Amino acid sequence: MIINKCYFLVFILCFMSFIHLNTCNQKRPMFDSADAFRNYLRKLNNEYMIAGRPRFGKRRSDFEKELFYNLKSNL
């Protein structure tokens, strides 16, 4: 009985996200290069800093920082 409720809840959440994606008219930014993507993230990070919210990546573990650095160096 509980499993059926869980399946139903997952189905409803998936259905709601599907409807939201199809009704959302927001354009997604397209990036030609990794530098354009980094600049976009830098500007987005600055917007959040100005609004007084914490910066992205402030609570990351050292492992994630090393992983991000390795990905960044490969670009």
PDB file of N, CA and C in Angstrom:
ATOM      1  N   MET A   1       0.826  -1.191   0.000  1.00  0.00           N
ATOM      2  CA  MET A   1       0.000   0.000   0.000  1.00  0.00           C
ATOM      3  C   MET A   1       0.872   1.258   0.000  1.00  0.00           C
ATOM      4  N   ILE A   2       1.907   1.266   0.839  1.00  0.00           N
ATOM      5  CA  ILE A   2       2.797   2.430   0.890  1.00  0.00           C
ATOM      6  C   ILE A   2       3.574   2.556  -0.409  1.00  0.00           C
ATOM      7  N   ILE A   3       3.958   1.408  -0.985  1.00  0.00           N
ATOM      8  CA  ILE A   3       4.703   1.435  -2.247  1.00  0.00           C
ATOM      9  C   ILE A   3       3.847   2.031  -3.351  1.00  0.00           C
ATOM     10  N   ASN A   4       2.563   1.696  -3.375  1.00  0.00           N
ATOM     11  CA  ASN A   4       1.665   2.256  -4.379  1.00  0.00           C
ATOM     12  C   ASN A   4       1.555   3.768  -4.237  1.00  0.00           C
ATOM     13  N   LYS A   5       1.531   4.253  -2.995  1.00  0.00           N
ATOM     14  CA  LYS A   5       1.467   5.697  -2.773  1.00  0.00           C
ATOM     15  C   LYS A   5       2.747   6.371  -3.243  1.00  0.00           C
ATOM     16  N   CYS A   6       3.878   5.714  -3.026  1.00  0.00           N
ATOM     17  CA  CYS A   6       5.159   6.274  -3.487  1.00  0.00           C
ATOM     18  C   CYS A   6       5.201   6.343  -5.005  1.00  0.00           C
ATOM     19  N   TYR A   7       4.755   5.274  -5.667  1.00  0.00           N
ATOM     20  CA  TYR A   7       4.712   5.286  -7.125  1.00  0.00           C
ATOM     21  C   TYR A   7       3.794   6.387  -7.639  1.00  0.00           C
ATOM     22  N   PHE A   8       2.667   6.549  -6.993  1.00  0.00           N
ATOM     23  CA  PHE A   8       1.723   7.583  -7.401  1.00  0.00           C
ATOM     24  C   PHE A   8       2.332   8.969  -7.227  1.00  0.00           C
ATOM     25  N   LEU A   9       3.030   9.184  -6.114  1.00  0.00           N
ATOM     26  CA  LEU A   9       3.674  10.474  -5.857  1.00  0.00           C
ATOM     27  C   LEU A   9       4.753  10.765  -6.900  1.00  0.00           C
ATOM     28  N   VAL A  10       5.558   9.769  -7.226  1.00  0.00           N
ATOM     29  CA  VAL A  10       6.595   9.944  -8.250  1.00  0.00           C
ATOM     30  C   VAL A  10       5.953  10.245  -9.595  1.00  0.00           C
ATOM     31  N   PHE A  11       4.891   9.548  -9.925  1.00  0.00           N
ATOM     32  CA  PHE A  11       4.197   9.789 -11.186  1.00  0.00           C
ATOM     33  C   PHE A  11       3.655  11.210 -11.254  1.00  0.00           C
ATOM     34  N   ILE A  12       3.039  11.680 -10.190  1.00  0.00           N
ATOM     35  CA  ILE A  12       2.483  13.039 -10.156  1.00  0.00           C
ATOM     36  C   ILE A  12       3.590  14.074 -10.302  1.00  0.00           C
ATOM     37  N   LEU A  13       4.705  13.890  -9.600  1.00  0.00           N
ATOM     38  CA  LEU A  13       5.813  14.843  -9.699  1.00  0.00           C
ATOM     39  C   LEU A  13       6.412  14.867 -11.102  1.00  0.00           C
ATOM     40  N   CYS A  14       6.561  13.704 -11.717  1.00  0.00           N
ATOM     41  CA  CYS A  14       7.071  13.649 -13.096  1.00  0.00           C
ATOM     42  C   CYS A  14       6.104  14.325 -14.058  1.00  0.00           C
ATOM     43  N   PHE A  15       4.840  14.082 -13.871  1.00  0.00           N
ATOM     44  CA  PHE A  15       3.832  14.686 -14.736  1.00  0.00           C
ATOM     45  C   PHE A  15       3.824  16.206 -14.595  1.00  0.00           C
ATOM     46  N   MET A  16       3.937  16.692 -13.354  1.00  0.00           N
ATOM     47  CA  MET A  16       3.962  18.141 -13.136  1.00  0.00           C
ATOM     48  C   MET A  16       5.204  18.772 -13.765  1.00  0.00           C
ATOM     49  N   SER A  17       6.353  18.118 -13.657  1.00  0.00           N
ATOM     50  CA  SER A  17       7.565  18.670 -14.264  1.00  0.00           C
ATOM     51  C   SER A  17       7.461  18.651 -15.781  1.00  0.00           C
ATOM     52  N   PHE A  18       6.845  17.617 -16.347  1.00  0.00           N
ATOM     53  CA  PHE A  18       6.647  17.557 -17.794  1.00  0.00           C
ATOM     54  C   PHE A  18       5.758  18.701 -18.267  1.00  0.00           C
ATOM     55  N   ILE A  19       4.681  18.968 -17.556  1.00  0.00           N
ATOM     56  CA  ILE A  19       3.785  20.076 -17.912  1.00  0.00           C
ATOM     57  C   ILE A  19       4.513  21.406 -17.789  1.00  0.00           C
ATOM     58  N   HIS A  20       5.295  21.571 -16.742  1.00  0.00           N
ATOM     59  CA  HIS A  20       6.029  22.824 -16.548  1.00  0.00           C
ATOM     60  C   HIS A  20       7.024  23.054 -17.680  1.00  0.00           C
ATOM     61  N   LEU A  21       7.745  22.023 -18.087  1.00  0.00           N
ATOM     62  CA  LEU A  21       8.725  22.183 -19.161  1.00  0.00           C
ATOM     63  C   LEU A  21       8.057  22.529 -20.485  1.00  0.00           C
ATOM     64  N   ASN A  22       6.884  21.973 -20.726  1.00  0.00           N
ATOM     65  CA  ASN A  22       6.199  22.240 -21.988  1.00  0.00           C
ATOM     66  C   ASN A  22       5.511  23.598 -22.011  1.00  0.00           C
ATOM     67  N   THR A  23       5.153  24.135 -20.869  1.00  0.00           N
ATOM     68  CA  THR A  23       4.473  25.431 -20.846  1.00  0.00           C
ATOM     69  C   THR A  23       5.429  26.591 -20.618  1.00  0.00           C
ATOM     70  N   CYS A  24       6.661  26.302 -20.268  1.00  0.00           N
ATOM     71  CA  CYS A  24       7.639  27.354 -19.983  1.00  0.00           C
ATOM     72  C   CYS A  24       8.162  27.922 -21.299  1.00  0.00           C
ATOM     73  N   ASN A  25       8.046  29.226 -21.475  1.00  0.00           N
ATOM     74  CA  ASN A  25       8.500  29.878 -22.701  1.00  0.00           C
ATOM     75  C   ASN A  25       9.877  30.511 -22.555  1.00  0.00           C
ATOM     76  N   GLN A  26      10.557  30.204 -21.493  1.00  0.00           N
ATOM     77  CA  GLN A  26      11.845  30.820 -21.229  1.00  0.00           C
ATOM     78  C   GLN A  26      12.907  30.220 -22.146  1.00  0.00           C
ATOM     79  N   LYS A  27      13.664  31.105 -22.798  1.00  0.00           N
ATOM     80  CA  LYS A  27      14.728  30.648 -23.686  1.00  0.00           C
ATOM     81  C   LYS A  27      15.954  30.291 -22.862  1.00  0.00           C
ATOM     82  N   ARG A  28      16.585  29.211 -23.213  1.00  0.00           N
ATOM     83  CA  ARG A  28      17.808  28.807 -22.538  1.00  0.00           C
ATOM     84  C   ARG A  28      19.000  29.386 -23.279  1.00  0.00           C
ATOM     85  N   PRO A  29      20.001  29.842 -22.551  1.00  0.00           N
ATOM     86  CA  PRO A  29      21.169  30.410 -23.227  1.00  0.00           C
ATOM     87  C   PRO A  29      21.970  29.324 -23.936  1.00  0.00           C
ATOM     88  N   MET A  30      22.455  29.669 -25.117  1.00  0.00           N
ATOM     89  CA  MET A  30      23.298  28.757 -25.882  1.00  0.00           C
ATOM     90  C   MET A  30      24.722  29.280 -25.823  1.00  0.00           C
ATOM     91  N   PHE A  31      25.670  28.391 -25.638  1.00  0.00           N
ATOM     92  CA  PHE A  31      27.062  28.785 -25.504  1.00  0.00           C
ATOM     93  C   PHE A  31      27.877  28.195 -26.644  1.00  0.00           C
ATOM     94  N   ASP A  32      28.705  29.056 -27.248  1.00  0.00           N
ATOM     95  CA  ASP A  32      29.557  28.609 -28.346  1.00  0.00           C
ATOM     96  C   ASP A  32      30.859  28.003 -27.848  1.00  0.00           C
ATOM     97  N   SER A  33      31.299  28.424 -26.677  1.00  0.00           N
ATOM     98  CA  SER A  33      32.576  27.933 -26.161  1.00  0.00           C
ATOM     99  C   SER A  33      32.503  27.806 -24.644  1.00  0.00           C
ATOM    100  N   ALA A  34      33.534  27.195 -24.104  1.00  0.00           N
ATOM    101  CA  ALA A  34      33.612  27.049 -22.651  1.00  0.00           C
ATOM    102  C   ALA A  34      33.813  28.406 -21.990  1.00  0.00           C
ATOM    103  N   ASP A  35      34.517  29.318 -22.663  1.00  0.00           N
ATOM    104  CA  ASP A  35      34.730  30.656 -22.095  1.00  0.00           C
ATOM    105  C   ASP A  35      33.418  31.421 -21.972  1.00  0.00           C
ATOM    106  N   ALA A  36      32.544  31.277 -22.959  1.00  0.00           N
ATOM    107  CA  ALA A  36      31.243  31.945 -22.893  1.00  0.00           C
ATOM    108  C   ALA A  36      30.425  31.398 -21.725  1.00  0.00           C
ATOM    109  N   PHE A  37      30.505  30.096 -21.514  1.00  0.00           N
ATOM    110  CA  PHE A  37      29.790  29.482 -20.396  1.00  0.00           C
ATOM    111  C   PHE A  37      30.358  29.955 -19.060  1.00  0.00           C
ATOM    112  N   ARG A  38      31.692  30.042 -18.952  1.00  0.00           N
ATOM    113  CA  ARG A  38      32.317  30.531 -17.720  1.00  0.00           C
ATOM    114  C   ARG A  38      31.931  31.976 -17.445  1.00  0.00           C
ATOM    115  N   ASN A  39      31.904  32.801 -18.489  1.00  0.00           N
ATOM    116  CA  ASN A  39      31.507  34.202 -18.305  1.00  0.00           C
ATOM    117  C   ASN A  39      30.061  34.298 -17.825  1.00  0.00           C
ATOM    118  N   TYR A  40      29.189  33.465 -18.378  1.00  0.00           N
ATOM    119  CA  TYR A  40      27.794  33.450 -17.946  1.00  0.00           C
ATOM    120  C   TYR A  40      27.691  33.069 -16.469  1.00  0.00           C
ATOM    121  N   LEU A  41      28.421  32.032 -16.071  1.00  0.00           N
ATOM    122  CA  LEU A  41      28.391  31.618 -14.665  1.00  0.00           C
ATOM    123  C   LEU A  41      28.983  32.684 -13.757  1.00  0.00           C
ATOM    124  N   ARG A  42      30.020  33.382 -14.223  1.00  0.00           N
ATOM    125  CA  ARG A  42      30.623  34.450 -13.424  1.00  0.00           C
ATOM    126  C   ARG A  42      29.620  35.581 -13.205  1.00  0.00           C
ATOM    127  N   LYS A  43      28.911  35.966 -14.266  1.00  0.00           N
ATOM    128  CA  LYS A  43      27.905  37.027 -14.136  1.00  0.00           C
ATOM    129  C   LYS A  43      26.756  36.588 -13.229  1.00  0.00           C
ATOM    130  N   LEU A  44      26.343  35.346 -13.366  1.00  0.00           N
ATOM    131  CA  LEU A  44      25.274  34.822 -12.520  1.00  0.00           C
ATOM    132  C   LEU A  44      25.710  34.794 -11.060  1.00  0.00           C
ATOM    133  N   ASN A  45      26.947  34.414 -10.827  1.00  0.00           N
ATOM    134  CA  ASN A  45      27.489  34.398  -9.473  1.00  0.00           C
ATOM    135  C   ASN A  45      27.520  35.808  -8.896  1.00  0.00           C
ATOM    136  N   ASN A  46      27.907  36.792  -9.698  1.00  0.00           N
ATOM    137  CA  ASN A  46      27.933  38.177  -9.231  1.00  0.00           C
ATOM    138  C   ASN A  46      26.535  38.675  -8.897  1.00  0.00           C
ATOM    139  N   GLU A  47      25.546  38.297  -9.678  1.00  0.00           N
ATOM    140  CA  GLU A  47      24.168  38.694  -9.389  1.00  0.00           C
ATOM    141  C   GLU A  47      23.729  38.152  -8.032  1.00  0.00           C
ATOM    142  N   TYR A  48      24.068  36.908  -7.749  1.00  0.00           N
ATOM    143  CA  TYR A  48      23.691  36.332  -6.462  1.00  0.00           C
ATOM    144  C   TYR A  48      24.453  36.981  -5.320  1.00  0.00           C
ATOM    145  N   MET A  49      25.710  37.377  -5.549  1.00  0.00           N
ATOM    146  CA  MET A  49      26.481  38.054  -4.503  1.00  0.00           C
ATOM    147  C   MET A  49      25.879  39.419  -4.199  1.00  0.00           C
ATOM    148  N   ILE A  50      25.444  40.133  -5.238  1.00  0.00           N
ATOM    149  CA  ILE A  50      24.864  41.459  -5.048  1.00  0.00           C
ATOM    150  C   ILE A  50      23.565  41.356  -4.253  1.00  0.00           C
ATOM    151  N   ALA A  51      22.810  40.311  -4.500  1.00  0.00           N
ATOM    152  CA  ALA A  51      21.530  40.137  -3.812  1.00  0.00           C
ATOM    153  C   ALA A  51      21.708  39.678  -2.365  1.00  0.00           C
ATOM    154  N   GLY A  52      22.945  39.432  -1.946  1.00  0.00           N
ATOM    155  CA  GLY A  52      23.200  39.034  -0.573  1.00  0.00           C
ATOM    156  C   GLY A  52      23.061  37.557  -0.312  1.00  0.00           C
ATOM    157  N   ARG A  53      23.015  36.786  -1.356  1.00  0.00           N
ATOM    158  CA  ARG A  53      22.918  35.337  -1.191  1.00  0.00           C
ATOM    159  C   ARG A  53      24.318  34.736  -1.220  1.00  0.00           C
ATOM    160  N   PRO A  54      24.487  33.542  -0.699  1.00  0.00           N
ATOM    161  CA  PRO A  54      25.825  32.941  -0.708  1.00  0.00           C
ATOM    162  C   PRO A  54      26.286  32.614  -2.121  1.00  0.00           C
ATOM    163  N   ARG A  55      27.574  32.644  -2.303  1.00  0.00           N
ATOM    164  CA  ARG A  55      28.153  32.345  -3.613  1.00  0.00           C
ATOM    165  C   ARG A  55      28.000  30.871  -3.930  1.00  0.00           C
ATOM    166  N   PHE A  56      27.986  30.561  -5.230  1.00  0.00           N
ATOM    167  CA  PHE A  56      27.940  29.164  -5.644  1.00  0.00           C
ATOM    168  C   PHE A  56      29.217  28.469  -5.205  1.00  0.00           C
ATOM    169  N   GLY A  57      29.114  27.244  -4.775  1.00  0.00           N
ATOM    170  CA  GLY A  57      30.283  26.462  -4.422  1.00  0.00           C
ATOM    171  C   GLY A  57      30.837  26.751  -3.049  1.00  0.00           C
ATOM    172  N   LYS A  58      30.172  27.539  -2.251  1.00  0.00           N
ATOM    173  CA  LYS A  58      30.701  27.891  -0.941  1.00  0.00           C
ATOM    174  C   LYS A  58      30.708  26.695  -0.002  1.00  0.00           C
ATOM    175  N   ARG A  59      29.800  25.781  -0.174  1.00  0.00           N
ATOM    176  CA  ARG A  59      29.691  24.643   0.736  1.00  0.00           C
ATOM    177  C   ARG A  59      30.214  23.351   0.117  1.00  0.00           C
ATOM    178  N   ARG A  60      30.977  23.444  -0.939  1.00  0.00           N
ATOM    179  CA  ARG A  60      31.475  22.234  -1.583  1.00  0.00           C
ATOM    180  C   ARG A  60      32.573  21.587  -0.755  1.00  0.00           C
ATOM    181  N   SER A  61      32.689  20.282  -0.913  1.00  0.00           N
ATOM    182  CA  SER A  61      33.781  19.576  -0.255  1.00  0.00           C
ATOM    183  C   SER A  61      35.046  19.710  -1.092  1.00  0.00           C
ATOM    184  N   ASP A  62      36.169  19.359  -0.513  1.00  0.00           N
ATOM    185  CA  ASP A  62      37.442  19.445  -1.229  1.00  0.00           C
ATOM    186  C   ASP A  62      37.460  18.530  -2.441  1.00  0.00           C
ATOM    187  N   PHE A  63      36.805  17.371  -2.342  1.00  0.00           N
ATOM    188  CA  PHE A  63      36.766  16.445  -3.470  1.00  0.00           C
ATOM    189  C   PHE A  63      36.087  17.085  -4.669  1.00  0.00           C
ATOM    190  N   GLU A  64      34.972  17.756  -4.443  1.00  0.00           N
ATOM    191  CA  GLU A  64      34.262  18.398  -5.547  1.00  0.00           C
ATOM    192  C   GLU A  64      35.082  19.538  -6.135  1.00  0.00           C
ATOM    193  N   LYS A  65      35.823  20.257  -5.303  1.00  0.00           N
ATOM    194  CA  LYS A  65      36.665  21.333  -5.816  1.00  0.00           C
ATOM    195  C   LYS A  65      37.759  20.774  -6.708  1.00  0.00           C
ATOM    196  N   GLU A  66      38.361  19.660  -6.297  1.00  0.00           N
ATOM    197  CA  GLU A  66      39.392  19.042  -7.125  1.00  0.00           C
ATOM    198  C   GLU A  66      38.797  18.534  -8.428  1.00  0.00           C
ATOM    199  N   LEU A  67      37.617  17.956  -8.358  1.00  0.00           N
ATOM    200  CA  LEU A  67      36.959  17.459  -9.557  1.00  0.00           C
ATOM    201  C   LEU A  67      36.656  18.604 -10.510  1.00  0.00           C
ATOM    202  N   PHE A  68      36.121  19.728  -9.991  1.00  0.00           N
ATOM    203  CA  PHE A  68      35.823  20.876 -10.835  1.00  0.00           C
ATOM    204  C   PHE A  68      37.099  21.446 -11.437  1.00  0.00           C
ATOM    205  N   TYR A  69      38.186  21.489 -10.671  1.00  0.00           N
ATOM    206  CA  TYR A  69      39.449  22.004 -11.182  1.00  0.00           C
ATOM    207  C   TYR A  69      39.964  21.124 -12.314  1.00  0.00           C
ATOM    208  N   ASN A  70      39.842  19.805 -12.166  1.00  0.00           N
ATOM    209  CA  ASN A  70      40.282  18.901 -13.226  1.00  0.00           C
ATOM    210  C   ASN A  70      39.441  19.076 -14.479  1.00  0.00           C
ATOM    211  N   LEU A  71      38.145  19.246 -14.326  1.00  0.00           N
ATOM    212  CA  LEU A  71      37.287  19.471 -15.490  1.00  0.00           C
ATOM    213  C   LEU A  71      37.630  20.791 -16.161  1.00  0.00           C
ATOM    214  N   LYS A  72      37.899  21.814 -15.360  1.00  0.00           N
ATOM    215  CA  LYS A  72      38.214  23.126 -15.895  1.00  0.00           C
ATOM    216  C   LYS A  72      39.545  23.105 -16.634  1.00  0.00           C
ATOM    217  N   SER A  73      40.519  22.361 -16.128  1.00  0.00           N
ATOM    218  CA  SER A  73      41.827  22.316 -16.770  1.00  0.00           C
ATOM    219  C   SER A  73      41.770  21.544 -18.082  1.00  0.00           C
ATOM    220  N   ASN A  74      40.808  20.615 -18.217  1.00  0.00           N
ATOM    221  CA  ASN A  74      40.688  19.860 -19.465  1.00  0.00           C
ATOM    222  C   ASN A  74      40.068  20.693 -20.575  1.00  0.00           C
ATOM    223  N   LEU A  75      39.344  21.735 -20.240  1.00  0.00           N
ATOM    224  CA  LEU A  75      38.727  22.575 -21.259  1.00  0.00           C
ATOM    225  C   LEU A  75      39.779  23.445 -21.827  1.00  0.00           C
TER     226      LEU A  75
END
